[in-house]
Amino acid sequence: MSASMTPMEDAVRAKITETLSPSYLEILNDSHMHSHHEAMQGNVSKETHFRLVIVSDAFKAKPQPARHRMIYALLKEELAAEGGIHALQLRTQTTQERARQEDREKAEQGETIAEVEKAD
């Protein structure tokens, strides 16, 4: 078996999945957009900048800063490692918050379609 091409992403996915049991998890590697930054000079890692969207009921009754602290604590080794994660962009929601967001988006989309149909 060959080594993974995305060991950092794999570790992030495993830890979040095991600890938070998310109903939805999206991990986007944005490292290529930051490789030219001065802080990244000499860093050969292709896994330094991530955007995470995590939907989990483990976030219930917790404000955003507490949710983010949970993620940072969970990924402390990956953040501290030489050539490890340099930056995280986090979007954390409960399943109820995600459902409300989806309902709003559908309503807005319906309004846009109605406006277009009205203009025709």
PDB file of N, CA and C in Angstrom:
ATOM      1  N   MET A   1       0.846  -1.183   0.000  1.00  0.00           N
ATOM      2  CA  MET A   1       0.000   0.000   0.000  1.00  0.00           C
ATOM      3  C   MET A   1       0.888   1.242   0.000  1.00  0.00           C
ATOM      4  N   SER A   2       0.584   2.205  -0.857  1.00  0.00           N
ATOM      5  CA  SER A   2       1.401   3.409  -0.942  1.00  0.00           C
ATOM      6  C   SER A   2       0.944   4.442   0.085  1.00  0.00           C
ATOM      7  N   ALA A   3       1.842   5.364   0.378  1.00  0.00           N
ATOM      8  CA  ALA A   3       1.536   6.427   1.344  1.00  0.00           C
ATOM      9  C   ALA A   3       0.501   7.373   0.746  1.00  0.00           C
ATOM     10  N   SER A   4      -0.301   7.950   1.611  1.00  0.00           N
ATOM     11  CA  SER A   4      -1.330   8.889   1.181  1.00  0.00           C
ATOM     12  C   SER A   4      -0.689  10.145   0.597  1.00  0.00           C
ATOM     13  N   MET A   5      -1.339  10.711  -0.396  1.00  0.00           N
ATOM     14  CA  MET A   5      -0.891  11.979  -0.980  1.00  0.00           C
ATOM     15  C   MET A   5      -1.363  13.158  -0.138  1.00  0.00           C
ATOM     16  N   THR A   6      -2.279  12.906   0.796  1.00  0.00           N
ATOM     17  CA  THR A   6      -2.843  13.973   1.627  1.00  0.00           C
ATOM     18  C   THR A   6      -2.857  13.558   3.105  1.00  0.00           C
ATOM     19  N   PRO A   7      -1.694  13.305   3.688  1.00  0.00           N
ATOM     20  CA  PRO A   7      -1.672  12.813   5.069  1.00  0.00           C
ATOM     21  C   PRO A   7      -2.254  13.799   6.083  1.00  0.00           C
ATOM     22  N   MET A   8      -2.048  15.087   5.888  1.00  0.00           N
ATOM     23  CA  MET A   8      -2.577  16.070   6.836  1.00  0.00           C
ATOM     24  C   MET A   8      -4.105  16.107   6.742  1.00  0.00           C
ATOM     25  N   GLU A   9      -4.627  16.165   5.540  1.00  0.00           N
ATOM     26  CA  GLU A   9      -6.083  16.152   5.356  1.00  0.00           C
ATOM     27  C   GLU A   9      -6.680  14.870   5.929  1.00  0.00           C
ATOM     28  N   ASP A  10      -6.018  13.756   5.708  1.00  0.00           N
ATOM     29  CA  ASP A  10      -6.494  12.478   6.236  1.00  0.00           C
ATOM     30  C   ASP A  10      -6.558  12.511   7.760  1.00  0.00           C
ATOM     31  N   ALA A  11      -5.525  13.085   8.396  1.00  0.00           N
ATOM     32  CA  ALA A  11      -5.489  13.168   9.863  1.00  0.00           C
ATOM     33  C   ALA A  11      -6.601  14.082  10.371  1.00  0.00           C
ATOM     34  N   VAL A  12      -6.807  15.204   9.700  1.00  0.00           N
ATOM     35  CA  VAL A  12      -7.864  16.148  10.087  1.00  0.00           C
ATOM     36  C   VAL A  12      -9.223  15.458   9.987  1.00  0.00           C
ATOM     37  N   ARG A  13      -9.469  14.800   8.860  1.00  0.00           N
ATOM     38  CA  ARG A  13     -10.744  14.110   8.641  1.00  0.00           C
ATOM     39  C   ARG A  13     -10.979  13.038   9.708  1.00  0.00           C
ATOM     40  N   ALA A  14      -9.955  12.260  10.008  1.00  0.00           N
ATOM     41  CA  ALA A  14     -10.092  11.179  10.987  1.00  0.00           C
ATOM     42  C   ALA A  14     -10.398  11.726  12.380  1.00  0.00           C
ATOM     43  N   LYS A  15      -9.671  12.741  12.798  1.00  0.00           N
ATOM     44  CA  LYS A  15      -9.885  13.288  14.141  1.00  0.00           C
ATOM     45  C   LYS A  15     -11.260  13.926  14.283  1.00  0.00           C
ATOM     46  N   ILE A  16     -11.666  14.705  13.292  1.00  0.00           N
ATOM     47  CA  ILE A  16     -12.972  15.367  13.362  1.00  0.00           C
ATOM     48  C   ILE A  16     -14.088  14.331  13.317  1.00  0.00           C
ATOM     49  N   THR A  17     -13.972  13.364  12.436  1.00  0.00           N
ATOM     50  CA  THR A  17     -15.000  12.338  12.305  1.00  0.00           C
ATOM     51  C   THR A  17     -15.126  11.525  13.592  1.00  0.00           C
ATOM     52  N   GLU A  18     -13.997  11.125  14.138  1.00  0.00           N
ATOM     53  CA  GLU A  18     -14.007  10.299  15.351  1.00  0.00           C
ATOM     54  C   GLU A  18     -14.543  11.068  16.560  1.00  0.00           C
ATOM     55  N   THR A  19     -14.177  12.319  16.686  1.00  0.00           N
ATOM     56  CA  THR A  19     -14.517  13.085  17.880  1.00  0.00           C
ATOM     57  C   THR A  19     -15.879  13.760  17.808  1.00  0.00           C
ATOM     58  N   LEU A  20     -16.228  14.300  16.638  1.00  0.00           N
ATOM     59  CA  LEU A  20     -17.442  15.117  16.523  1.00  0.00           C
ATOM     60  C   LEU A  20     -18.593  14.429  15.803  1.00  0.00           C
ATOM     61  N   SER A  21     -18.360  13.298  15.176  1.00  0.00           N
ATOM     62  CA  SER A  21     -19.398  12.588  14.406  1.00  0.00           C
ATOM     63  C   SER A  21     -20.222  13.558  13.558  1.00  0.00           C
ATOM     64  N   PRO A  22     -19.584  14.281  12.655  1.00  0.00           N
ATOM     65  CA  PRO A  22     -20.318  15.290  11.892  1.00  0.00           C
ATOM     66  C   PRO A  22     -21.328  14.674  10.927  1.00  0.00           C
ATOM     67  N   SER A  23     -22.440  15.378  10.741  1.00  0.00           N
ATOM     68  CA  SER A  23     -23.403  14.958   9.724  1.00  0.00           C
ATOM     69  C   SER A  23     -22.944  15.457   8.357  1.00  0.00           C
ATOM     70  N   TYR A  24     -22.053  16.445   8.369  1.00  0.00           N
ATOM     71  CA  TYR A  24     -21.481  16.974   7.128  1.00  0.00           C
ATOM     72  C   TYR A  24     -20.076  17.467   7.443  1.00  0.00           C
ATOM     73  N   LEU A  25     -19.129  17.133   6.587  1.00  0.00           N
ATOM     74  CA  LEU A  25     -17.750  17.588   6.742  1.00  0.00           C
ATOM     75  C   LEU A  25     -17.185  17.878   5.364  1.00  0.00           C
ATOM     76  N   GLU A  26     -16.724  19.093   5.191  1.00  0.00           N
ATOM     77  CA  GLU A  26     -16.080  19.491   3.942  1.00  0.00           C
ATOM     78  C   GLU A  26     -14.704  20.030   4.302  1.00  0.00           C
ATOM     79  N   ILE A  27     -13.692  19.498   3.635  1.00  0.00           N
ATOM     80  CA  ILE A  27     -12.320  19.939   3.860  1.00  0.00           C
ATOM     81  C   ILE A  27     -11.772  20.412   2.516  1.00  0.00           C
ATOM     82  N   LEU A  28     -11.432  21.690   2.463  1.00  0.00           N
ATOM     83  CA  LEU A  28     -10.888  22.267   1.240  1.00  0.00           C
ATOM     84  C   LEU A  28      -9.446  22.687   1.501  1.00  0.00           C
ATOM     85  N   ASN A  29      -8.547  22.223   0.665  1.00  0.00           N
ATOM     86  CA  ASN A  29      -7.131  22.550   0.794  1.00  0.00           C
ATOM     87  C   ASN A  29      -6.850  23.785  -0.062  1.00  0.00           C
ATOM     88  N   ASP A  30      -6.598  24.915   0.597  1.00  0.00           N
ATOM     89  CA  ASP A  30      -6.328  26.180  -0.091  1.00  0.00           C
ATOM     90  C   ASP A  30      -4.840  26.507  -0.125  1.00  0.00           C
ATOM     91  N   SER A  31      -3.991  25.543   0.167  1.00  0.00           N
ATOM     92  CA  SER A  31      -2.554  25.791   0.287  1.00  0.00           C
ATOM     93  C   SER A  31      -1.951  26.388  -0.975  1.00  0.00           C
ATOM     94  N   HIS A  32      -2.420  25.953  -2.129  1.00  0.00           N
ATOM     95  CA  HIS A  32      -1.865  26.448  -3.391  1.00  0.00           C
ATOM     96  C   HIS A  32      -2.045  27.961  -3.551  1.00  0.00           C
ATOM     97  N   MET A  33      -3.050  28.518  -2.889  1.00  0.00           N
ATOM     98  CA  MET A  33      -3.306  29.959  -2.998  1.00  0.00           C
ATOM     99  C   MET A  33      -2.400  30.772  -2.071  1.00  0.00           C
ATOM    100  N   HIS A  34      -1.632  30.109  -1.227  1.00  0.00           N
ATOM    101  CA  HIS A  34      -0.810  30.810  -0.240  1.00  0.00           C
ATOM    102  C   HIS A  34       0.675  30.468  -0.358  1.00  0.00           C
ATOM    103  N   SER A  35       1.039  29.625  -1.303  1.00  0.00           N
ATOM    104  CA  SER A  35       2.422  29.154  -1.393  1.00  0.00           C
ATOM    105  C   SER A  35       3.407  30.282  -1.690  1.00  0.00           C
ATOM    106  N   HIS A  36       2.940  31.386  -2.243  1.00  0.00           N
ATOM    107  CA  HIS A  36       3.821  32.516  -2.569  1.00  0.00           C
ATOM    108  C   HIS A  36       4.045  33.456  -1.386  1.00  0.00           C
ATOM    109  N   HIS A  37       3.300  33.272  -0.297  1.00  0.00           N
ATOM    110  CA  HIS A  37       3.449  34.135   0.877  1.00  0.00           C
ATOM    111  C   HIS A  37       4.833  33.966   1.495  1.00  0.00           C
ATOM    112  N   GLU A  38       5.362  35.053   2.019  1.00  0.00           N
ATOM    113  CA  GLU A  38       6.701  35.035   2.614  1.00  0.00           C
ATOM    114  C   GLU A  38       6.829  33.970   3.702  1.00  0.00           C
ATOM    115  N   ALA A  39       5.797  33.824   4.521  1.00  0.00           N
ATOM    116  CA  ALA A  39       5.847  32.844   5.613  1.00  0.00           C
ATOM    117  C   ALA A  39       5.948  31.410   5.096  1.00  0.00           C
ATOM    118  N   MET A  40       5.583  31.179   3.844  1.00  0.00           N
ATOM    119  CA  MET A  40       5.596  29.831   3.285  1.00  0.00           C
ATOM    120  C   MET A  40       6.880  29.526   2.518  1.00  0.00           C
ATOM    121  N   GLN A  41       7.775  30.504   2.395  1.00  0.00           N
ATOM    122  CA  GLN A  41       9.025  30.290   1.674  1.00  0.00           C
ATOM    123  C   GLN A  41       9.830  29.187   2.355  1.00  0.00           C
ATOM    124  N   GLY A  42      10.265  28.225   1.580  1.00  0.00           N
ATOM    125  CA  GLY A  42      11.045  27.111   2.109  1.00  0.00           C
ATOM    126  C   GLY A  42      10.204  25.956   2.632  1.00  0.00           C
ATOM    127  N   ASN A  43       8.897  26.155   2.725  1.00  0.00           N
ATOM    128  CA  ASN A  43       8.003  25.094   3.196  1.00  0.00           C
ATOM    129  C   ASN A  43       7.624  24.225   1.997  1.00  0.00           C
ATOM    130  N   VAL A  44       7.889  22.951   2.079  1.00  0.00           N
ATOM    131  CA  VAL A  44       7.596  22.059   0.961  1.00  0.00           C
ATOM    132  C   VAL A  44       6.232  21.375   1.098  1.00  0.00           C
ATOM    133  N   SER A  45       5.556  21.573   2.224  1.00  0.00           N
ATOM    134  CA  SER A  45       4.251  20.955   2.440  1.00  0.00           C
ATOM    135  C   SER A  45       3.211  21.550   1.504  1.00  0.00           C
ATOM    136  N   LYS A  46       2.361  20.706   0.987  1.00  0.00           N
ATOM    137  CA  LYS A  46       1.244  21.132   0.135  1.00  0.00           C
ATOM    138  C   LYS A  46      -0.056  21.138   0.938  1.00  0.00           C
ATOM    139  N   GLU A  47       0.064  21.041   2.263  1.00  0.00           N
ATOM    140  CA  GLU A  47      -1.110  20.968   3.139  1.00  0.00           C
ATOM    141  C   GLU A  47      -0.924  21.903   4.339  1.00  0.00           C
ATOM    142  N   THR A  48      -1.023  23.190   4.076  1.00  0.00           N
ATOM    143  CA  THR A  48      -0.786  24.180   5.127  1.00  0.00           C
ATOM    144  C   THR A  48      -1.997  25.060   5.427  1.00  0.00           C
ATOM    145  N   HIS A  49      -2.896  25.210   4.481  1.00  0.00           N
ATOM    146  CA  HIS A  49      -4.049  26.101   4.621  1.00  0.00           C
ATOM    147  C   HIS A  49      -5.326  25.328   4.279  1.00  0.00           C
ATOM    148  N   PHE A  50      -6.254  25.290   5.230  1.00  0.00           N
ATOM    149  CA  PHE A  50      -7.493  24.536   5.026  1.00  0.00           C
ATOM    150  C   PHE A  50      -8.711  25.371   5.375  1.00  0.00           C
ATOM    151  N   ARG A  51      -9.792  25.115   4.639  1.00  0.00           N
ATOM    152  CA  ARG A  51     -11.127  25.629   4.961  1.00  0.00           C
ATOM    153  C   ARG A  51     -11.953  24.425   5.374  1.00  0.00           C
ATOM    154  N   LEU A  52     -12.551  24.492   6.557  1.00  0.00           N
ATOM    155  CA  LEU A  52     -13.355  23.378   7.051  1.00  0.00           C
ATOM    156  C   LEU A  52     -14.789  23.829   7.271  1.00  0.00           C
ATOM    157  N   VAL A  53     -15.718  23.038   6.792  1.00  0.00           N
ATOM    158  CA  VAL A  53     -17.135  23.220   7.093  1.00  0.00           C
ATOM    159  C   VAL A  53     -17.548  21.977   7.864  1.00  0.00           C
ATOM    160  N   ILE A  54     -17.962  22.187   9.111  1.00  0.00           N
ATOM    161  CA  ILE A  54     -18.287  21.064   9.982  1.00  0.00           C
ATOM    162  C   ILE A  54     -19.685  21.269  10.544  1.00  0.00           C
ATOM    163  N   VAL A  55     -20.563  20.301  10.308  1.00  0.00           N
ATOM    164  CA  VAL A  55     -21.909  20.324  10.868  1.00  0.00           C
ATOM    165  C   VAL A  55     -21.987  19.170  11.859  1.00  0.00           C
ATOM    166  N   SER A  56     -22.170  19.525  13.134  1.00  0.00           N
ATOM    167  CA  SER A  56     -22.190  18.512  14.182  1.00  0.00           C
ATOM    168  C   SER A  56     -23.021  18.996  15.355  1.00  0.00           C
ATOM    169  N   ASP A  57     -23.775  18.096  15.926  1.00  0.00           N
ATOM    170  CA  ASP A  57     -24.548  18.444  17.124  1.00  0.00           C
ATOM    171  C   ASP A  57     -23.662  18.538  18.363  1.00  0.00           C
ATOM    172  N   ALA A  58     -22.388  18.210  18.234  1.00  0.00           N
ATOM    173  CA  ALA A  58     -21.447  18.424  19.335  1.00  0.00           C
ATOM    174  C   ALA A  58     -21.271  19.924  19.604  1.00  0.00           C
ATOM    175  N   PHE A  59     -21.708  20.766  18.662  1.00  0.00           N
ATOM    176  CA  PHE A  59     -21.598  22.216  18.807  1.00  0.00           C
ATOM    177  C   PHE A  59     -22.806  22.851  19.494  1.00  0.00           C
ATOM    178  N   LYS A  60     -23.834  22.041  19.786  1.00  0.00           N
ATOM    179  CA  LYS A  60     -25.050  22.593  20.407  1.00  0.00           C
ATOM    180  C   LYS A  60     -24.710  23.362  21.675  1.00  0.00           C
ATOM    181  N   ALA A  61     -25.358  24.508  21.838  1.00  0.00           N
ATOM    182  CA  ALA A  61     -25.240  25.364  23.028  1.00  0.00           C
ATOM    183  C   ALA A  61     -23.843  25.948  23.218  1.00  0.00           C
ATOM    184  N   LYS A  62     -23.026  25.911  22.176  1.00  0.00           N
ATOM    185  CA  LYS A  62     -21.684  26.491  22.265  1.00  0.00           C
ATOM    186  C   LYS A  62     -21.590  27.671  21.288  1.00  0.00           C
ATOM    187  N   PRO A  63     -21.075  28.807  21.756  1.00  0.00           N
ATOM    188  CA  PRO A  63     -20.872  29.935  20.840  1.00  0.00           C
ATOM    189  C   PRO A  63     -19.721  29.639  19.873  1.00  0.00           C
ATOM    190  N   GLN A  64     -19.646  30.396  18.793  1.00  0.00           N
ATOM    191  CA  GLN A  64     -18.620  30.158  17.772  1.00  0.00           C
ATOM    192  C   GLN A  64     -17.199  30.101  18.349  1.00  0.00           C
ATOM    193  N   PRO A  65     -16.801  31.039  19.227  1.00  0.00           N
ATOM    194  CA  PRO A  65     -15.423  30.948  19.741  1.00  0.00           C
ATOM    195  C   PRO A  65     -15.139  29.617  20.452  1.00  0.00           C
ATOM    196  N   ALA A  66     -16.094  29.102  21.191  1.00  0.00           N
ATOM    197  CA  ALA A  66     -15.908  27.817  21.880  1.00  0.00           C
ATOM    198  C   ALA A  66     -15.809  26.676  20.870  1.00  0.00           C
ATOM    199  N   ARG A  67     -16.582  26.747  19.821  1.00  0.00           N
ATOM    200  CA  ARG A  67     -16.522  25.722  18.769  1.00  0.00           C
ATOM    201  C   ARG A  67     -15.145  25.723  18.111  1.00  0.00           C
ATOM    202  N   HIS A  68     -14.656  26.915  17.825  1.00  0.00           N
ATOM    203  CA  HIS A  68     -13.349  27.028  17.181  1.00  0.00           C
ATOM    204  C   HIS A  68     -12.244  26.529  18.109  1.00  0.00           C
ATOM    205  N   ARG A  69     -12.358  26.845  19.389  1.00  0.00           N
ATOM    206  CA  ARG A  69     -11.375  26.329  20.349  1.00  0.00           C
ATOM    207  C   ARG A  69     -11.390  24.802  20.372  1.00  0.00           C
ATOM    208  N   MET A  70     -12.573  24.209  20.237  1.00  0.00           N
ATOM    209  CA  MET A  70     -12.667  22.740  20.186  1.00  0.00           C
ATOM    210  C   MET A  70     -11.838  22.192  19.024  1.00  0.00           C
ATOM    211  N   ILE A  71     -11.974  22.832  17.859  1.00  0.00           N
ATOM    212  CA  ILE A  71     -11.272  22.363  16.661  1.00  0.00           C
ATOM    213  C   ILE A  71      -9.763  22.570  16.814  1.00  0.00           C
ATOM    214  N   TYR A  72      -9.375  23.741  17.304  1.00  0.00           N
ATOM    215  CA  TYR A  72      -7.947  24.005  17.494  1.00  0.00           C
ATOM    216  C   TYR A  72      -7.331  23.027  18.501  1.00  0.00           C
ATOM    217  N   ALA A  73      -8.037  22.715  19.556  1.00  0.00           N
ATOM    218  CA  ALA A  73      -7.535  21.751  20.539  1.00  0.00           C
ATOM    219  C   ALA A  73      -7.423  20.361  19.913  1.00  0.00           C
ATOM    220  N   LEU A  74      -8.398  20.006  19.115  1.00  0.00           N
ATOM    221  CA  LEU A  74      -8.414  18.703  18.454  1.00  0.00           C
ATOM    222  C   LEU A  74      -7.236  18.555  17.486  1.00  0.00           C
ATOM    223  N   LEU A  75      -6.880  19.658  16.825  1.00  0.00           N
ATOM    224  CA  LEU A  75      -5.834  19.622  15.797  1.00  0.00           C
ATOM    225  C   LEU A  75      -4.516  20.230  16.276  1.00  0.00           C
ATOM    226  N   LYS A  76      -4.294  20.273  17.586  1.00  0.00           N
ATOM    227  CA  LYS A  76      -3.100  20.943  18.125  1.00  0.00           C
ATOM    228  C   LYS A  76      -1.802  20.346  17.595  1.00  0.00           C
ATOM    229  N   GLU A  77      -1.739  19.051  17.403  1.00  0.00           N
ATOM    230  CA  GLU A  77      -0.516  18.417  16.883  1.00  0.00           C
ATOM    231  C   GLU A  77      -0.263  18.828  15.436  1.00  0.00           C
ATOM    232  N   GLU A  78      -1.319  18.864  14.636  1.00  0.00           N
ATOM    233  CA  GLU A  78      -1.184  19.239  13.229  1.00  0.00           C
ATOM    234  C   GLU A  78      -0.809  20.716  13.086  1.00  0.00           C
ATOM    235  N   LEU A  79      -1.291  21.549  14.002  1.00  0.00           N
ATOM    236  CA  LEU A  79      -0.961  22.967  13.985  1.00  0.00           C
ATOM    237  C   LEU A  79       0.467  23.216  14.470  1.00  0.00           C
ATOM    238  N   ALA A  80       0.959  22.395  15.385  1.00  0.00           N
ATOM    239  CA  ALA A  80       2.293  22.585  15.957  1.00  0.00           C
ATOM    240  C   ALA A  80       3.401  21.931  15.133  1.00  0.00           C
ATOM    241  N   ALA A  81       3.051  20.997  14.290  1.00  0.00           N
ATOM    242  CA  ALA A  81       4.056  20.231  13.546  1.00  0.00           C
ATOM    243  C   ALA A  81       4.829  21.116  12.566  1.00  0.00           C
ATOM    244  N   GLU A  82       6.125  20.842  12.428  1.00  0.00           N
ATOM    245  CA  GLU A  82       6.955  21.516  11.426  1.00  0.00           C
ATOM    246  C   GLU A  82       6.377  21.196  10.045  1.00  0.00           C
ATOM    247  N   GLY A  83       6.068  22.220   9.271  1.00  0.00           N
ATOM    248  CA  GLY A  83       5.445  22.010   7.962  1.00  0.00           C
ATOM    249  C   GLY A  83       3.990  21.609   8.063  1.00  0.00           C
ATOM    250  N   GLY A  84       3.397  21.783   9.251  1.00  0.00           N
ATOM    251  CA  GLY A  84       2.007  21.395   9.472  1.00  0.00           C
ATOM    252  C   GLY A  84       1.035  22.482   9.038  1.00  0.00           C
ATOM    253  N   ILE A  85      -0.119  22.475   9.637  1.00  0.00           N
ATOM    254  CA  ILE A  85      -1.162  23.440   9.283  1.00  0.00           C
ATOM    255  C   ILE A  85      -0.746  24.824   9.752  1.00  0.00           C
ATOM    256  N   HIS A  86      -0.789  25.764   8.843  1.00  0.00           N
ATOM    257  CA  HIS A  86      -0.439  27.160   9.117  1.00  0.00           C
ATOM    258  C   HIS A  86      -1.696  27.989   9.371  1.00  0.00           C
ATOM    259  N   ALA A  87      -2.811  27.636   8.693  1.00  0.00           N
ATOM    260  CA  ALA A  87      -4.031  28.433   8.828  1.00  0.00           C
ATOM    261  C   ALA A  87      -5.264  27.566   8.620  1.00  0.00           C
ATOM    262  N   LEU A  88      -6.284  27.865   9.435  1.00  0.00           N
ATOM    263  CA  LEU A  88      -7.584  27.207   9.312  1.00  0.00           C
ATOM    264  C   LEU A  88      -8.664  28.269   9.181  1.00  0.00           C
ATOM    265  N   GLN A  89      -9.563  28.056   8.260  1.00  0.00           N
ATOM    266  CA  GLN A  89     -10.778  28.863   8.174  1.00  0.00           C
ATOM    267  C   GLN A  89     -11.912  27.919   8.548  1.00  0.00           C
ATOM    268  N   LEU A  90     -12.658  28.268   9.587  1.00  0.00           N
ATOM    269  CA  LEU A  90     -13.662  27.346  10.122  1.00  0.00           C
ATOM    270  C   LEU A  90     -15.075  27.877   9.961  1.00  0.00           C
ATOM    271  N   ARG A  91     -15.959  26.986   9.557  1.00  0.00           N
ATOM    272  CA  ARG A  91     -17.400  27.252   9.585  1.00  0.00           C
ATOM    273  C   ARG A  91     -18.002  26.093  10.358  1.00  0.00           C
ATOM    274  N   THR A  92     -18.534  26.387  11.532  1.00  0.00           N
ATOM    275  CA  THR A  92     -19.065  25.343  12.403  1.00  0.00           C
ATOM    276  C   THR A  92     -20.542  25.597  12.645  1.00  0.00           C
ATOM    277  N   GLN A  93     -21.345  24.557  12.444  1.00  0.00           N
ATOM    278  CA  GLN A  93     -22.794  24.662  12.603  1.00  0.00           C
ATOM    279  C   GLN A  93     -23.354  23.399  13.244  1.00  0.00           C
ATOM    280  N   THR A  94     -24.503  23.561  13.896  1.00  0.00           N
ATOM    281  CA  THR A  94     -25.267  22.397  14.339  1.00  0.00           C
ATOM    282  C   THR A  94     -26.149  21.971  13.166  1.00  0.00           C
ATOM    283  N   THR A  95     -26.757  20.797  13.260  1.00  0.00           N
ATOM    284  CA  THR A  95     -27.637  20.356  12.181  1.00  0.00           C
ATOM    285  C   THR A  95     -28.835  21.294  12.047  1.00  0.00           C
ATOM    286  N   GLN A  96     -29.317  21.818  13.166  1.00  0.00           N
ATOM    287  CA  GLN A  96     -30.449  22.749  13.127  1.00  0.00           C
ATOM    288  C   GLN A  96     -30.056  24.062  12.442  1.00  0.00           C
ATOM    289  N   GLU A  97     -28.880  24.581  12.735  1.00  0.00           N
ATOM    290  CA  GLU A  97     -28.402  25.805  12.086  1.00  0.00           C
ATOM    291  C   GLU A  97     -28.232  25.589  10.586  1.00  0.00           C
ATOM    292  N   ARG A  98     -27.722  24.439  10.215  1.00  0.00           N
ATOM    293  CA  ARG A  98     -27.528  24.115   8.795  1.00  0.00           C
ATOM    294  C   ARG A  98     -28.873  24.038   8.078  1.00  0.00           C
ATOM    295  N   ALA A  99     -29.872  23.422   8.711  1.00  0.00           N
ATOM    296  CA  ALA A  99     -31.204  23.313   8.109  1.00  0.00           C
ATOM    297  C   ALA A  99     -31.815  24.698   7.911  1.00  0.00           C
ATOM    298  N   ARG A 100     -31.676  25.576   8.913  1.00  0.00           N
ATOM    299  CA  ARG A 100     -32.193  26.945   8.774  1.00  0.00           C
ATOM    300  C   ARG A 100     -31.497  27.679   7.625  1.00  0.00           C
ATOM    301  N   GLN A 101     -30.198  27.495   7.502  1.00  0.00           N
ATOM    302  CA  GLN A 101     -29.446  28.129   6.417  1.00  0.00           C
ATOM    303  C   GLN A 101     -29.952  27.636   5.063  1.00  0.00           C
ATOM    304  N   GLU A 102     -30.140  26.339   4.943  1.00  0.00           N
ATOM    305  CA  GLU A 102     -30.622  25.772   3.681  1.00  0.00           C
ATOM    306  C   GLU A 102     -32.022  26.276   3.351  1.00  0.00           C
ATOM    307  N   ASP A 103     -32.882  26.400   4.361  1.00  0.00           N
ATOM    308  CA  ASP A 103     -34.231  26.935   4.146  1.00  0.00           C
ATOM    309  C   ASP A 103     -34.166  28.373   3.651  1.00  0.00           C
ATOM    310  N   ARG A 104     -33.294  29.189   4.266  1.00  0.00           N
ATOM    311  CA  ARG A 104     -33.132  30.588   3.831  1.00  0.00           C
ATOM    312  C   ARG A 104     -32.649  30.661   2.399  1.00  0.00           C
ATOM    313  N   GLU A 105     -31.675  29.821   2.067  1.00  0.00           N
ATOM    314  CA  GLU A 105     -31.130  29.822   0.709  1.00  0.00           C
ATOM    315  C   GLU A 105     -32.187  29.415  -0.310  1.00  0.00           C
ATOM    316  N   LYS A 106     -33.010  28.425   0.020  1.00  0.00           N
ATOM    317  CA  LYS A 106     -34.089  28.011  -0.885  1.00  0.00           C
ATOM    318  C   LYS A 106     -35.100  29.124  -1.066  1.00  0.00           C
ATOM    319  N   ALA A 107     -35.440  29.809   0.027  1.00  0.00           N
ATOM    320  CA  ALA A 107     -36.398  30.918  -0.048  1.00  0.00           C
ATOM    321  C   ALA A 107     -35.838  32.045  -0.909  1.00  0.00           C
ATOM    322  N   GLU A 108     -34.567  32.368  -0.717  1.00  0.00           N
ATOM    323  CA  GLU A 108     -33.938  33.422  -1.519  1.00  0.00           C
ATOM    324  C   GLU A 108     -33.884  33.032  -2.981  1.00  0.00           C
ATOM    325  N   GLN A 109     -33.585  31.778  -3.252  1.00  0.00           N
ATOM    326  CA  GLN A 109     -33.539  31.298  -4.632  1.00  0.00           C
ATOM    327  C   GLN A 109     -34.934  31.376  -5.255  1.00  0.00           C
ATOM    328  N   GLY A 110     -35.957  31.018  -4.486  1.00  0.00           N
ATOM    329  CA  GLY A 110     -37.334  31.098  -4.970  1.00  0.00           C
ATOM    330  C   GLY A 110     -37.722  32.527  -5.286  1.00  0.00           C
ATOM    331  N   GLU A 111     -37.300  33.485  -4.451  1.00  0.00           N
ATOM    332  CA  GLU A 111     -37.578  34.896  -4.699  1.00  0.00           C
ATOM    333  C   GLU A 111     -36.900  35.362  -5.977  1.00  0.00           C
ATOM    334  N   THR A 112     -35.675  34.928  -6.205  1.00  0.00           N
ATOM    335  CA  THR A 112     -34.939  35.310  -7.406  1.00  0.00           C
ATOM    336  C   THR A 112     -35.628  34.756  -8.640  1.00  0.00           C
ATOM    337  N   ILE A 113     -36.058  33.505  -8.594  1.00  0.00           N
ATOM    338  CA  ILE A 113     -36.753  32.892  -9.741  1.00  0.00           C
ATOM    339  C   ILE A 113     -38.060  33.630 -10.003  1.00  0.00           C
ATOM    340  N   ALA A 114     -38.799  33.961  -8.953  1.00  0.00           N
ATOM    341  CA  ALA A 114     -40.055  34.690  -9.103  1.00  0.00           C
ATOM    342  C   ALA A 114     -39.821  36.056  -9.722  1.00  0.00           C
ATOM    343  N   GLU A 115     -38.751  36.739  -9.346  1.00  0.00           N
ATOM    344  CA  GLU A 115     -38.423  38.052  -9.920  1.00  0.00           C
ATOM    345  C   GLU A 115     -38.096  37.942 -11.392  1.00  0.00           C
ATOM    346  N   VAL A 116     -37.356  36.906 -11.781  1.00  0.00           N
ATOM    347  CA  VAL A 116     -36.995  36.693 -13.174  1.00  0.00           C
ATOM    348  C   VAL A 116     -38.240  36.384 -13.985  1.00  0.00           C
ATOM    349  N   GLU A 117     -39.112  35.513 -13.460  1.00  0.00           N
ATOM    350  CA  GLU A 117     -40.344  35.163 -14.161  1.00  0.00           C
ATOM    351  C   GLU A 117     -41.249  36.380 -14.314  1.00  0.00           C
ATOM    352  N   LYS A 118     -41.286  37.229 -13.296  1.00  0.00           N
ATOM    353  CA  LYS A 118     -42.098  38.434 -13.334  1.00  0.00           C
ATOM    354  C   LYS A 118     -41.568  39.404 -14.399  1.00  0.00           C
ATOM    355  N   ALA A 119     -40.260  39.451 -14.586  1.00  0.00           N
ATOM    356  CA  ALA A 119     -39.634  40.361 -15.552  1.00  0.00           C
ATOM    357  C   ALA A 119     -39.884  39.877 -16.974  1.00  0.00           C
ATOM    358  N   ASP A 120     -40.102  38.587 -17.164  1.00  0.00           N
ATOM    359  CA  ASP A 120     -40.350  38.048 -18.511  1.00  0.00           C
ATOM    360  C   ASP A 120     -41.726  38.426 -18.924  1.00  0.00           C
TER     361      ASP A 120
END
